[in-house]
Amino acid sequence: MISAQFYRLLIQKFPFQPTIKQDIFFQKVSVFITDFTNDSIFVLKGYAGTGKTTVISTIVNNLTEINKKYVLLAPTGRAAKVIANYSQKPAFTIHKKIYNPKVSGGGGVNFIRQTN
């Protein structure tokens, strides 16, 4: 699926009329997601109430259309819970996915980074 097709799918499935900035976001993220050679990251940020959770939910619920694997990660437990509720998919904190707890000899806990 090319980016233009994925963009149209996202616009069609988005539950609201997107704002101009949301439309631009959908265009850019469609290119990012459909570029299978891409090894970069895409950061979505914005103020409360700007639709971040809704656009992410729309994307996540349509990634299966292009056979894309994904993991939902958020900086806080609360943010992970919100995105999991909106998308109906599991979400984790970033730290839970990259660190493993290991009990030390003295009864304390150390966190060891997972291997790639």
PDB file of N, CA and C in Angstrom:
ATOM      1  N   MET A   1       0.854  -1.177   0.000  1.00  0.00           N
ATOM      2  CA  MET A   1       0.000   0.000   0.000  1.00  0.00           C
ATOM      3  C   MET A   1       0.896   1.236   0.000  1.00  0.00           C
ATOM      4  N   ILE A   2       0.605   2.154  -0.871  1.00  0.00           N
ATOM      5  CA  ILE A   2       1.389   3.387  -0.924  1.00  0.00           C
ATOM      6  C   ILE A   2       0.826   4.402   0.068  1.00  0.00           C
ATOM      7  N   SER A   3       1.614   5.417   0.339  1.00  0.00           N
ATOM      8  CA  SER A   3       1.236   6.389   1.364  1.00  0.00           C
ATOM      9  C   SER A   3      -0.086   7.082   1.057  1.00  0.00           C
ATOM     10  N   ALA A   4      -0.355   7.389  -0.198  1.00  0.00           N
ATOM     11  CA  ALA A   4      -1.610   8.067  -0.543  1.00  0.00           C
ATOM     12  C   ALA A   4      -2.820   7.193  -0.218  1.00  0.00           C
ATOM     13  N   GLN A   5      -2.698   5.900  -0.443  1.00  0.00           N
ATOM     14  CA  GLN A   5      -3.800   4.988  -0.124  1.00  0.00           C
ATOM     15  C   GLN A   5      -4.004   4.889   1.388  1.00  0.00           C
ATOM     16  N   PHE A   6      -2.900   4.790   2.120  1.00  0.00           N
ATOM     17  CA  PHE A   6      -3.011   4.705   3.575  1.00  0.00           C
ATOM     18  C   PHE A   6      -3.575   6.008   4.135  1.00  0.00           C
ATOM     19  N   TYR A   7      -3.153   7.127   3.583  1.00  0.00           N
ATOM     20  CA  TYR A   7      -3.692   8.428   3.997  1.00  0.00           C
ATOM     21  C   TYR A   7      -5.206   8.457   3.802  1.00  0.00           C
ATOM     22  N   ARG A   8      -5.678   8.033   2.640  1.00  0.00           N
ATOM     23  CA  ARG A   8      -7.125   8.034   2.377  1.00  0.00           C
ATOM     24  C   ARG A   8      -7.867   7.119   3.351  1.00  0.00           C
ATOM     25  N   LEU A   9      -7.265   5.980   3.665  1.00  0.00           N
ATOM     26  CA  LEU A   9      -7.868   5.062   4.628  1.00  0.00           C
ATOM     27  C   LEU A   9      -7.986   5.726   6.000  1.00  0.00           C
ATOM     28  N   LEU A  10      -6.930   6.396   6.435  1.00  0.00           N
ATOM     29  CA  LEU A  10      -6.954   7.063   7.741  1.00  0.00           C
ATOM     30  C   LEU A  10      -8.011   8.159   7.788  1.00  0.00           C
ATOM     31  N   ILE A  11      -8.083   8.954   6.735  1.00  0.00           N
ATOM     32  CA  ILE A  11      -9.079  10.030   6.690  1.00  0.00           C
ATOM     33  C   ILE A  11     -10.487   9.448   6.719  1.00  0.00           C
ATOM     34  N   GLN A  12     -10.683   8.367   5.991  1.00  0.00           N
ATOM     35  CA  GLN A  12     -11.999   7.716   5.943  1.00  0.00           C
ATOM     36  C   GLN A  12     -12.392   7.156   7.313  1.00  0.00           C
ATOM     37  N   LYS A  13     -11.432   6.602   8.042  1.00  0.00           N
ATOM     38  CA  LYS A  13     -11.719   5.953   9.325  1.00  0.00           C
ATOM     39  C   LYS A  13     -11.666   6.911  10.516  1.00  0.00           C
ATOM     40  N   PHE A  14     -11.119   8.106  10.327  1.00  0.00           N
ATOM     41  CA  PHE A  14     -11.041   9.079  11.414  1.00  0.00           C
ATOM     42  C   PHE A  14     -12.462   9.486  11.801  1.00  0.00           C
ATOM     43  N   PRO A  15     -12.800   9.447  13.092  1.00  0.00           N
ATOM     44  CA  PRO A  15     -14.196   9.672  13.486  1.00  0.00           C
ATOM     45  C   PRO A  15     -14.682  11.117  13.398  1.00  0.00           C
ATOM     46  N   PHE A  16     -13.814  12.048  13.045  1.00  0.00           N
ATOM     47  CA  PHE A  16     -14.180  13.460  12.953  1.00  0.00           C
ATOM     48  C   PHE A  16     -13.662  14.037  11.646  1.00  0.00           C
ATOM     49  N   GLN A  17     -14.108  15.224  11.322  1.00  0.00           N
ATOM     50  CA  GLN A  17     -13.508  15.971  10.220  1.00  0.00           C
ATOM     51  C   GLN A  17     -12.163  16.475  10.738  1.00  0.00           C
ATOM     52  N   PRO A  18     -11.037  16.048  10.142  1.00  0.00           N
ATOM     53  CA  PRO A  18      -9.741  16.466  10.690  1.00  0.00           C
ATOM     54  C   PRO A  18      -9.505  17.967  10.525  1.00  0.00           C
ATOM     55  N   THR A  19      -8.814  18.531  11.509  1.00  0.00           N
ATOM     56  CA  THR A  19      -8.392  19.922  11.385  1.00  0.00           C
ATOM     57  C   THR A  19      -7.289  19.985  10.329  1.00  0.00           C
ATOM     58  N   ILE A  20      -6.890  21.168   9.961  1.00  0.00           N
ATOM     59  CA  ILE A  20      -5.813  21.319   8.974  1.00  0.00           C
ATOM     60  C   ILE A  20      -4.535  20.652   9.485  1.00  0.00           C
ATOM     61  N   LYS A  21      -4.205  20.873  10.756  1.00  0.00           N
ATOM     62  CA  LYS A  21      -2.981  20.278  11.306  1.00  0.00           C
ATOM     63  C   LYS A  21      -3.090  18.761  11.412  1.00  0.00           C
ATOM     64  N   GLN A  22      -4.262  18.248  11.738  1.00  0.00           N
ATOM     65  CA  GLN A  22      -4.447  16.796  11.778  1.00  0.00           C
ATOM     66  C   GLN A  22      -4.317  16.204  10.379  1.00  0.00           C
ATOM     67  N   ASP A  23      -4.838  16.896   9.382  1.00  0.00           N
ATOM     68  CA  ASP A  23      -4.726  16.430   8.002  1.00  0.00           C
ATOM     69  C   ASP A  23      -3.255  16.378   7.572  1.00  0.00           C
ATOM     70  N   ILE A  24      -2.505  17.406   7.908  1.00  0.00           N
ATOM     71  CA  ILE A  24      -1.068  17.424   7.597  1.00  0.00           C
ATOM     72  C   ILE A  24      -0.369  16.274   8.317  1.00  0.00           C
ATOM     73  N   PHE A  25      -0.737  16.057   9.575  1.00  0.00           N
ATOM     74  CA  PHE A  25      -0.168  14.935  10.325  1.00  0.00           C
ATOM     75  C   PHE A  25      -0.450  13.618   9.613  1.00  0.00           C
ATOM     76  N   PHE A  26      -1.687  13.390   9.196  1.00  0.00           N
ATOM     77  CA  PHE A  26      -2.035  12.139   8.514  1.00  0.00           C
ATOM     78  C   PHE A  26      -1.228  11.964   7.226  1.00  0.00           C
ATOM     79  N   GLN A  27      -0.999  13.050   6.499  1.00  0.00           N
ATOM     80  CA  GLN A  27      -0.181  12.959   5.287  1.00  0.00           C
ATOM     81  C   GLN A  27       1.249  12.534   5.628  1.00  0.00           C
ATOM     82  N   LYS A  28       1.839  13.203   6.617  1.00  0.00           N
ATOM     83  CA  LYS A  28       3.234  12.918   6.977  1.00  0.00           C
ATOM     84  C   LYS A  28       3.396  11.533   7.591  1.00  0.00           C
ATOM     85  N   VAL A  29       2.483  11.152   8.464  1.00  0.00           N
ATOM     86  CA  VAL A  29       2.611   9.850   9.115  1.00  0.00           C
ATOM     87  C   VAL A  29       2.339   8.722   8.125  1.00  0.00           C
ATOM     88  N   SER A  30       1.528   8.960   7.114  1.00  0.00           N
ATOM     89  CA  SER A  30       1.285   7.945   6.081  1.00  0.00           C
ATOM     90  C   SER A  30       2.557   7.655   5.295  1.00  0.00           C
ATOM     91  N   VAL A  31       3.298   8.691   4.968  1.00  0.00           N
ATOM     92  CA  VAL A  31       4.584   8.504   4.287  1.00  0.00           C
ATOM     93  C   VAL A  31       5.547   7.762   5.208  1.00  0.00           C
ATOM     94  N   PHE A  32       5.617   8.191   6.456  1.00  0.00           N
ATOM     95  CA  PHE A  32       6.515   7.560   7.429  1.00  0.00           C
ATOM     96  C   PHE A  32       6.205   6.070   7.592  1.00  0.00           C
ATOM     97  N   ILE A  33       4.940   5.734   7.745  1.00  0.00           N
ATOM     98  CA  ILE A  33       4.544   4.347   8.006  1.00  0.00           C
ATOM     99  C   ILE A  33       4.727   3.455   6.786  1.00  0.00           C
ATOM    100  N   THR A  34       4.479   3.965   5.606  1.00  0.00           N
ATOM    101  CA  THR A  34       4.557   3.119   4.405  1.00  0.00           C
ATOM    102  C   THR A  34       5.955   3.055   3.807  1.00  0.00           C
ATOM    103  N   ASP A  35       6.894   3.806   4.356  1.00  0.00           N
ATOM    104  CA  ASP A  35       8.285   3.734   3.904  1.00  0.00           C
ATOM    105  C   ASP A  35       8.953   2.571   4.624  1.00  0.00           C
ATOM    106  N   PHE A  36       8.973   1.409   3.989  1.00  0.00           N
ATOM    107  CA  PHE A  36       9.470   0.198   4.632  1.00  0.00           C
ATOM    108  C   PHE A  36      10.987   0.194   4.797  1.00  0.00           C
ATOM    109  N   THR A  37      11.688   1.157   4.222  1.00  0.00           N
ATOM    110  CA  THR A  37      13.138   1.247   4.405  1.00  0.00           C
ATOM    111  C   THR A  37      13.497   2.241   5.498  1.00  0.00           C
ATOM    112  N   ASN A  38      12.499   2.836   6.101  1.00  0.00           N
ATOM    113  CA  ASN A  38      12.689   3.902   7.071  1.00  0.00           C
ATOM    114  C   ASN A  38      13.228   3.358   8.392  1.00  0.00           C
ATOM    115  N   ASP A  39      14.330   3.929   8.873  1.00  0.00           N
ATOM    116  CA  ASP A  39      14.843   3.562  10.186  1.00  0.00           C
ATOM    117  C   ASP A  39      14.856   4.778  11.116  1.00  0.00           C
ATOM    118  N   SER A  40      13.976   5.718  10.851  1.00  0.00           N
ATOM    119  CA  SER A  40      13.885   6.917  11.673  1.00  0.00           C
ATOM    120  C   SER A  40      12.697   6.797  12.627  1.00  0.00           C
ATOM    121  N   ILE A  41      12.499   7.819  13.434  1.00  0.00           N
ATOM    122  CA  ILE A  41      11.384   7.828  14.371  1.00  0.00           C
ATOM    123  C   ILE A  41      10.449   8.985  14.046  1.00  0.00           C
ATOM    124  N   PHE A  42       9.229   8.878  14.492  1.00  0.00           N
ATOM    125  CA  PHE A  42       8.235   9.925  14.305  1.00  0.00           C
ATOM    126  C   PHE A  42       7.727  10.297  15.689  1.00  0.00           C
ATOM    127  N   VAL A  43       7.877  11.541  16.068  1.00  0.00           N
ATOM    128  CA  VAL A  43       7.437  12.009  17.378  1.00  0.00           C
ATOM    129  C   VAL A  43       6.184  12.847  17.193  1.00  0.00           C
ATOM    130  N   LEU A  44       5.136  12.462  17.904  1.00  0.00           N
ATOM    131  CA  LEU A  44       3.886  13.220  17.896  1.00  0.00           C
ATOM    132  C   LEU A  44       3.769  13.920  19.239  1.00  0.00           C
ATOM    133  N   LYS A  45       3.618  15.223  19.199  1.00  0.00           N
ATOM    134  CA  LYS A  45       3.448  15.969  20.437  1.00  0.00           C
ATOM    135  C   LYS A  45       2.387  17.030  20.217  1.00  0.00           C
ATOM    136  N   GLY A  46       1.815  17.484  21.294  1.00  0.00           N
ATOM    137  CA  GLY A  46       0.788  18.514  21.203  1.00  0.00           C
ATOM    138  C   GLY A  46       0.155  18.750  22.558  1.00  0.00           C
ATOM    139  N   TYR A  47      -0.554  19.843  22.660  1.00  0.00           N
ATOM    140  CA  TYR A  47      -1.233  20.191  23.899  1.00  0.00           C
ATOM    141  C   TYR A  47      -2.408  19.257  24.143  1.00  0.00           C
ATOM    142  N   ALA A  48      -2.874  19.249  25.380  1.00  0.00           N
ATOM    143  CA  ALA A  48      -4.048  18.452  25.739  1.00  0.00           C
ATOM    144  C   ALA A  48      -5.241  18.868  24.878  1.00  0.00           C
ATOM    145  N   GLY A  49      -5.981  17.880  24.417  1.00  0.00           N
ATOM    146  CA  GLY A  49      -7.192  18.163  23.657  1.00  0.00           C
ATOM    147  C   GLY A  49      -6.984  18.411  22.181  1.00  0.00           C
ATOM    148  N   THR A  50      -5.776  18.186  21.677  1.00  0.00           N
ATOM    149  CA  THR A  50      -5.517  18.440  20.254  1.00  0.00           C
ATOM    150  C   THR A  50      -5.786  17.227  19.375  1.00  0.00           C
ATOM    151  N   GLY A  51      -6.122  16.081  19.990  1.00  0.00           N
ATOM    152  CA  GLY A  51      -6.479  14.903  19.206  1.00  0.00           C
ATOM    153  C   GLY A  51      -5.385  13.865  19.047  1.00  0.00           C
ATOM    154  N   LYS A  52      -4.315  13.957  19.835  1.00  0.00           N
ATOM    155  CA  LYS A  52      -3.211  12.991  19.710  1.00  0.00           C
ATOM    156  C   LYS A  52      -3.691  11.555  19.893  1.00  0.00           C
ATOM    157  N   THR A  53      -4.443  11.314  20.939  1.00  0.00           N
ATOM    158  CA  THR A  53      -4.912   9.957  21.222  1.00  0.00           C
ATOM    159  C   THR A  53      -5.837   9.459  20.127  1.00  0.00           C
ATOM    160  N   THR A  54      -6.699  10.303  19.626  1.00  0.00           N
ATOM    161  CA  THR A  54      -7.642   9.893  18.583  1.00  0.00           C
ATOM    162  C   THR A  54      -6.923   9.568  17.283  1.00  0.00           C
ATOM    163  N   VAL A  55      -5.936  10.356  16.891  1.00  0.00           N
ATOM    164  CA  VAL A  55      -5.225  10.050  15.643  1.00  0.00           C
ATOM    165  C   VAL A  55      -4.384   8.789  15.795  1.00  0.00           C
ATOM    166  N   ILE A  56      -3.765   8.588  16.962  1.00  0.00           N
ATOM    167  CA  ILE A  56      -2.981   7.368  17.177  1.00  0.00           C
ATOM    168  C   ILE A  56      -3.894   6.149  17.158  1.00  0.00           C
ATOM    169  N   SER A  57      -5.041   6.257  17.784  1.00  0.00           N
ATOM    170  CA  SER A  57      -6.000   5.152  17.769  1.00  0.00           C
ATOM    171  C   SER A  57      -6.422   4.809  16.348  1.00  0.00           C
ATOM    172  N   THR A  58      -6.674   5.812  15.536  1.00  0.00           N
ATOM    173  CA  THR A  58      -7.049   5.593  14.134  1.00  0.00           C
ATOM    174  C   THR A  58      -5.932   4.884  13.381  1.00  0.00           C
ATOM    175  N   ILE A  59      -4.705   5.315  13.597  1.00  0.00           N
ATOM    176  CA  ILE A  59      -3.565   4.683  12.921  1.00  0.00           C
ATOM    177  C   ILE A  59      -3.417   3.231  13.359  1.00  0.00           C
ATOM    178  N   VAL A  60      -3.384   3.005  14.667  1.00  0.00           N
ATOM    179  CA  VAL A  60      -3.174   1.655  15.202  1.00  0.00           C
ATOM    180  C   VAL A  60      -4.243   0.691  14.698  1.00  0.00           C
ATOM    181  N   ASN A  61      -5.468   1.138  14.681  1.00  0.00           N
ATOM    182  CA  ASN A  61      -6.560   0.263  14.262  1.00  0.00           C
ATOM    183  C   ASN A  61      -6.573  -0.006  12.762  1.00  0.00           C
ATOM    184  N   ASN A  62      -5.681   0.633  12.016  1.00  0.00           N
ATOM    185  CA  ASN A  62      -5.612   0.399  10.572  1.00  0.00           C
ATOM    186  C   ASN A  62      -4.256  -0.116  10.101  1.00  0.00           C
ATOM    187  N   LEU A  63      -3.335  -0.349  11.001  1.00  0.00           N
ATOM    188  CA  LEU A  63      -2.023  -0.869  10.611  1.00  0.00           C
ATOM    189  C   LEU A  63      -2.103  -2.280  10.037  1.00  0.00           C
ATOM    190  N   THR A  64      -3.096  -3.034  10.442  1.00  0.00           N
ATOM    191  CA  THR A  64      -3.235  -4.393   9.900  1.00  0.00           C
ATOM    192  C   THR A  64      -3.531  -4.372   8.402  1.00  0.00           C
ATOM    193  N   GLU A  65      -4.086  -3.276   7.915  1.00  0.00           N
ATOM    194  CA  GLU A  65      -4.375  -3.145   6.483  1.00  0.00           C
ATOM    195  C   GLU A  65      -3.102  -3.199   5.639  1.00  0.00           C
ATOM    196  N   ILE A  66      -1.982  -2.807   6.232  1.00  0.00           N
ATOM    197  CA  ILE A  66      -0.713  -2.822   5.490  1.00  0.00           C
ATOM    198  C   ILE A  66       0.288  -3.800   6.102  1.00  0.00           C
ATOM    199  N   ASN A  67      -0.212  -4.706   6.928  1.00  0.00           N
ATOM    200  CA  ASN A  67       0.618  -5.757   7.539  1.00  0.00           C
ATOM    201  C   ASN A  67       1.816  -5.203   8.311  1.00  0.00           C
ATOM    202  N   LYS A  68       1.601  -4.126   9.029  1.00  0.00           N
ATOM    203  CA  LYS A  68       2.662  -3.519   9.840  1.00  0.00           C
ATOM    204  C   LYS A  68       2.573  -4.018  11.271  1.00  0.00           C
ATOM    205  N   LYS A  69       3.707  -4.426  11.819  1.00  0.00           N
ATOM    206  CA  LYS A  69       3.778  -4.781  13.228  1.00  0.00           C
ATOM    207  C   LYS A  69       4.043  -3.510  14.023  1.00  0.00           C
ATOM    208  N   TYR A  70       3.592  -3.500  15.258  1.00  0.00           N
ATOM    209  CA  TYR A  70       3.774  -2.314  16.084  1.00  0.00           C
ATOM    210  C   TYR A  70       3.759  -2.700  17.554  1.00  0.00           C
ATOM    211  N   VAL A  71       4.295  -1.818  18.372  1.00  0.00           N
ATOM    212  CA  VAL A  71       4.207  -1.902  19.826  1.00  0.00           C
ATOM    213  C   VAL A  71       3.852  -0.505  20.295  1.00  0.00           C
ATOM    214  N   LEU A  72       2.820  -0.397  21.113  1.00  0.00           N
ATOM    215  CA  LEU A  72       2.420   0.904  21.636  1.00  0.00           C
ATOM    216  C   LEU A  72       3.191   1.188  22.920  1.00  0.00           C
ATOM    217  N   LEU A  73       3.972   2.265  22.899  1.00  0.00           N
ATOM    218  CA  LEU A  73       4.767   2.669  24.055  1.00  0.00           C
ATOM    219  C   LEU A  73       4.427   4.098  24.432  1.00  0.00           C
ATOM    220  N   ALA A  74       4.400   4.356  25.723  1.00  0.00           N
ATOM    221  CA  ALA A  74       4.102   5.696  26.217  1.00  0.00           C
ATOM    222  C   ALA A  74       5.069   6.024  27.352  1.00  0.00           C
ATOM    223  N   PRO A  75       5.286   7.310  27.618  1.00  0.00           N
ATOM    224  CA  PRO A  75       6.256   7.684  28.648  1.00  0.00           C
ATOM    225  C   PRO A  75       5.780   7.416  30.077  1.00  0.00           C
ATOM    226  N   THR A  76       4.473   7.347  30.300  1.00  0.00           N
ATOM    227  CA  THR A  76       3.951   7.117  31.651  1.00  0.00           C
ATOM    228  C   THR A  76       2.921   5.998  31.632  1.00  0.00           C
ATOM    229  N   GLY A  77       2.687   5.428  32.804  1.00  0.00           N
ATOM    230  CA  GLY A  77       1.667   4.391  32.916  1.00  0.00           C
ATOM    231  C   GLY A  77       0.287   4.912  32.574  1.00  0.00           C
ATOM    232  N   ARG A  78       0.000   6.134  32.991  1.00  0.00           N
ATOM    233  CA  ARG A  78      -1.308   6.740  32.687  1.00  0.00           C
ATOM    234  C   ARG A  78      -1.486   6.903  31.181  1.00  0.00           C
ATOM    235  N   ALA A  79      -0.465   7.389  30.506  1.00  0.00           N
ATOM    236  CA  ALA A  79      -0.544   7.567  29.051  1.00  0.00           C
ATOM    237  C   ALA A  79      -0.711   6.223  28.350  1.00  0.00           C
ATOM    238  N   ALA A  80      -0.022   5.192  28.835  1.00  0.00           N
ATOM    239  CA  ALA A  80      -0.160   3.855  28.245  1.00  0.00           C
ATOM    240  C   ALA A  80      -1.578   3.339  28.426  1.00  0.00           C
ATOM    241  N   LYS A  81      -2.154   3.585  29.593  1.00  0.00           N
ATOM    242  CA  LYS A  81      -3.525   3.140  29.860  1.00  0.00           C
ATOM    243  C   LYS A  81      -4.523   3.850  28.951  1.00  0.00           C
ATOM    244  N   VAL A  82      -4.345   5.135  28.758  1.00  0.00           N
ATOM    245  CA  VAL A  82      -5.252   5.905  27.900  1.00  0.00           C
ATOM    246  C   VAL A  82      -5.195   5.399  26.465  1.00  0.00           C
ATOM    247  N   ILE A  83      -3.994   5.231  25.919  1.00  0.00           N
ATOM    248  CA  ILE A  83      -3.883   4.796  24.522  1.00  0.00           C
ATOM    249  C   ILE A  83      -4.374   3.357  24.365  1.00  0.00           C
ATOM    250  N   ALA A  84      -4.171   2.521  25.376  1.00  0.00           N
ATOM    251  CA  ALA A  84      -4.686   1.146  25.322  1.00  0.00           C
ATOM    252  C   ALA A  84      -6.212   1.147  25.314  1.00  0.00           C
ATOM    253  N   ASN A  85      -6.811   2.011  26.118  1.00  0.00           N
ATOM    254  CA  ASN A  85      -8.275   2.091  26.154  1.00  0.00           C
ATOM    255  C   ASN A  85      -8.849   2.596  24.836  1.00  0.00           C
ATOM    256  N   TYR A  86      -8.231   3.595  24.251  1.00  0.00           N
ATOM    257  CA  TYR A  86      -8.724   4.151  22.989  1.00  0.00           C
ATOM    258  C   TYR A  86      -8.553   3.180  21.830  1.00  0.00           C
ATOM    259  N   SER A  87      -7.424   2.497  21.790  1.00  0.00           N
ATOM    260  CA  SER A  87      -7.123   1.635  20.643  1.00  0.00           C
ATOM    261  C   SER A  87      -7.592   0.195  20.832  1.00  0.00           C
ATOM    262  N   GLN A  88      -7.930  -0.160  22.070  1.00  0.00           N
ATOM    263  CA  GLN A  88      -8.296  -1.549  22.393  1.00  0.00           C
ATOM    264  C   GLN A  88      -7.150  -2.513  22.078  1.00  0.00           C
ATOM    265  N   LYS A  89      -5.918  -2.024  22.204  1.00  0.00           N
ATOM    266  CA  LYS A  89      -4.702  -2.810  21.984  1.00  0.00           C
ATOM    267  C   LYS A  89      -3.807  -2.640  23.208  1.00  0.00           C
ATOM    268  N   PRO A  90      -2.946  -3.615  23.505  1.00  0.00           N
ATOM    269  CA  PRO A  90      -2.062  -3.454  24.667  1.00  0.00           C
ATOM    270  C   PRO A  90      -1.041  -2.337  24.454  1.00  0.00           C
ATOM    271  N   ALA A  91      -0.767  -1.612  25.517  1.00  0.00           N
ATOM    272  CA  ALA A  91       0.239  -0.547  25.488  1.00  0.00           C
ATOM    273  C   ALA A  91       1.087  -0.665  26.751  1.00  0.00           C
ATOM    274  N   PHE A  92       2.332  -0.227  26.653  1.00  0.00           N
ATOM    275  CA  PHE A  92       3.286  -0.375  27.744  1.00  0.00           C
ATOM    276  C   PHE A  92       4.031   0.933  27.953  1.00  0.00           C
ATOM    277  N   THR A  93       4.642   1.057  29.135  1.00  0.00           N
ATOM    278  CA  THR A  93       5.551   2.185  29.311  1.00  0.00           C
ATOM    279  C   THR A  93       6.843   1.852  28.574  1.00  0.00           C
ATOM    280  N   ILE A  94       7.537   2.867  28.177  1.00  0.00           N
ATOM    281  CA  ILE A  94       8.813   2.681  27.482  1.00  0.00           C
ATOM    282  C   ILE A  94       9.769   1.886  28.371  1.00  0.00           C
ATOM    283  N   HIS A  95       9.816   2.247  29.646  1.00  0.00           N
ATOM    284  CA  HIS A  95      10.748   1.584  30.564  1.00  0.00           C
ATOM    285  C   HIS A  95      10.434   0.108  30.746  1.00  0.00           C
ATOM    286  N   LYS A  96       9.171  -0.253  30.729  1.00  0.00           N
ATOM    287  CA  LYS A  96       8.813  -1.668  30.889  1.00  0.00           C
ATOM    288  C   LYS A  96       9.342  -2.500  29.723  1.00  0.00           C
ATOM    289  N   LYS A  97       9.382  -1.909  28.548  1.00  0.00           N
ATOM    290  CA  LYS A  97       9.834  -2.643  27.369  1.00  0.00           C
ATOM    291  C   LYS A  97      11.352  -2.676  27.220  1.00  0.00           C
ATOM    292  N   ILE A  98      12.051  -1.688  27.769  1.00  0.00           N
ATOM    293  CA  ILE A  98      13.498  -1.671  27.537  1.00  0.00           C
ATOM    294  C   ILE A  98      14.329  -2.097  28.740  1.00  0.00           C
ATOM    295  N   TYR A  99      13.721  -2.213  29.921  1.00  0.00           N
ATOM    296  CA  TYR A  99      14.466  -2.612  31.115  1.00  0.00           C
ATOM    297  C   TYR A  99      13.856  -3.852  31.752  1.00  0.00           C
ATOM    298  N   ASN A 100      14.728  -4.755  32.226  1.00  0.00           N
ATOM    299  CA  ASN A 100      14.308  -5.939  32.976  1.00  0.00           C
ATOM    300  C   ASN A 100      14.771  -5.796  34.418  1.00  0.00           C
ATOM    301  N   PRO A 101      13.871  -5.985  35.397  1.00  0.00           N
ATOM    302  CA  PRO A 101      14.319  -5.937  36.788  1.00  0.00           C
ATOM    303  C   PRO A 101      15.124  -7.189  37.136  1.00  0.00           C
ATOM    304  N   LYS A 102      16.181  -7.002  37.906  1.00  0.00           N
ATOM    305  CA  LYS A 102      17.011  -8.127  38.343  1.00  0.00           C
ATOM    306  C   LYS A 102      17.319  -7.919  39.822  1.00  0.00           C
ATOM    307  N   VAL A 103      16.968  -8.912  40.625  1.00  0.00           N
ATOM    308  CA  VAL A 103      17.204  -8.822  42.065  1.00  0.00           C
ATOM    309  C   VAL A 103      18.698  -8.976  42.320  1.00  0.00           C
ATOM    310  N   SER A 104      19.250  -8.033  43.087  1.00  0.00           N
ATOM    311  CA  SER A 104      20.681  -8.094  43.406  1.00  0.00           C
ATOM    312  C   SER A 104      20.890  -8.935  44.665  1.00  0.00           C
ATOM    313  N   GLY A 105      22.127  -9.249  44.958  1.00  0.00           N
ATOM    314  CA  GLY A 105      22.470 -10.092  46.096  1.00  0.00           C
ATOM    315  C   GLY A 105      21.971  -9.554  47.426  1.00  0.00           C
ATOM    316  N   GLY A 106      21.940  -8.261  47.605  1.00  0.00           N
ATOM    317  CA  GLY A 106      21.517  -7.663  48.868  1.00  0.00           C
ATOM    318  C   GLY A 106      20.017  -7.478  48.988  1.00  0.00           C
ATOM    319  N   GLY A 107      19.245  -7.996  48.050  1.00  0.00           N
ATOM    320  CA  GLY A 107      17.794  -7.864  48.098  1.00  0.00           C
ATOM    321  C   GLY A 107      17.264  -6.667  47.331  1.00  0.00           C
ATOM    322  N   GLY A 108      18.146  -5.827  46.827  1.00  0.00           N
ATOM    323  CA  GLY A 108      17.713  -4.683  46.028  1.00  0.00           C
ATOM    324  C   GLY A 108      17.385  -5.102  44.604  1.00  0.00           C
ATOM    325  N   VAL A 109      16.964  -4.151  43.839  1.00  0.00           N
ATOM    326  CA  VAL A 109      16.611  -4.423  42.443  1.00  0.00           C
ATOM    327  C   VAL A 109      17.437  -3.527  41.539  1.00  0.00           C
ATOM    328  N   ASN A 110      18.035  -4.119  40.538  1.00  0.00           N
ATOM    329  CA  ASN A 110      18.727  -3.379  39.486  1.00  0.00           C
ATOM    330  C   ASN A 110      17.939  -3.557  38.201  1.00  0.00           C
ATOM    331  N   PHE A 111      18.011  -2.575  37.350  1.00  0.00           N
ATOM    332  CA  PHE A 111      17.325  -2.673  36.066  1.00  0.00           C
ATOM    333  C   PHE A 111      18.359  -2.821  34.967  1.00  0.00           C
ATOM    334  N   ILE A 112      18.231  -3.885  34.207  1.00  0.00           N
ATOM    335  CA  ILE A 112      19.160  -4.213  33.137  1.00  0.00           C
ATOM    336  C   ILE A 112      18.466  -3.957  31.808  1.00  0.00           C
ATOM    337  N   ARG A 113      19.135  -3.219  30.936  1.00  0.00           N
ATOM    338  CA  ARG A 113      18.557  -2.923  29.625  1.00  0.00           C
ATOM    339  C   ARG A 113      18.462  -4.198  28.795  1.00  0.00           C
ATOM    340  N   GLN A 114      17.315  -4.387  28.140  1.00  0.00           N
ATOM    341  CA  GLN A 114      17.134  -5.550  27.276  1.00  0.00           C
ATOM    342  C   GLN A 114      18.026  -5.432  26.055  1.00  0.00           C
ATOM    343  N   THR A 115      18.421  -6.572  25.519  1.00  0.00           N
ATOM    344  CA  THR A 115      19.205  -6.566  24.289  1.00  0.00           C
ATOM    345  C   THR A 115      18.283  -6.303  23.110  1.00  0.00           C
ATOM    346  N   ASN A 116      18.834  -5.744  22.053  1.00  0.00           N
ATOM    347  CA  ASN A 116      18.038  -5.457  20.854  1.00  0.00           C
ATOM    348  C   ASN A 116      17.739  -6.718  20.101  1.00  0.00           C
TER     349      ASN A 116
END
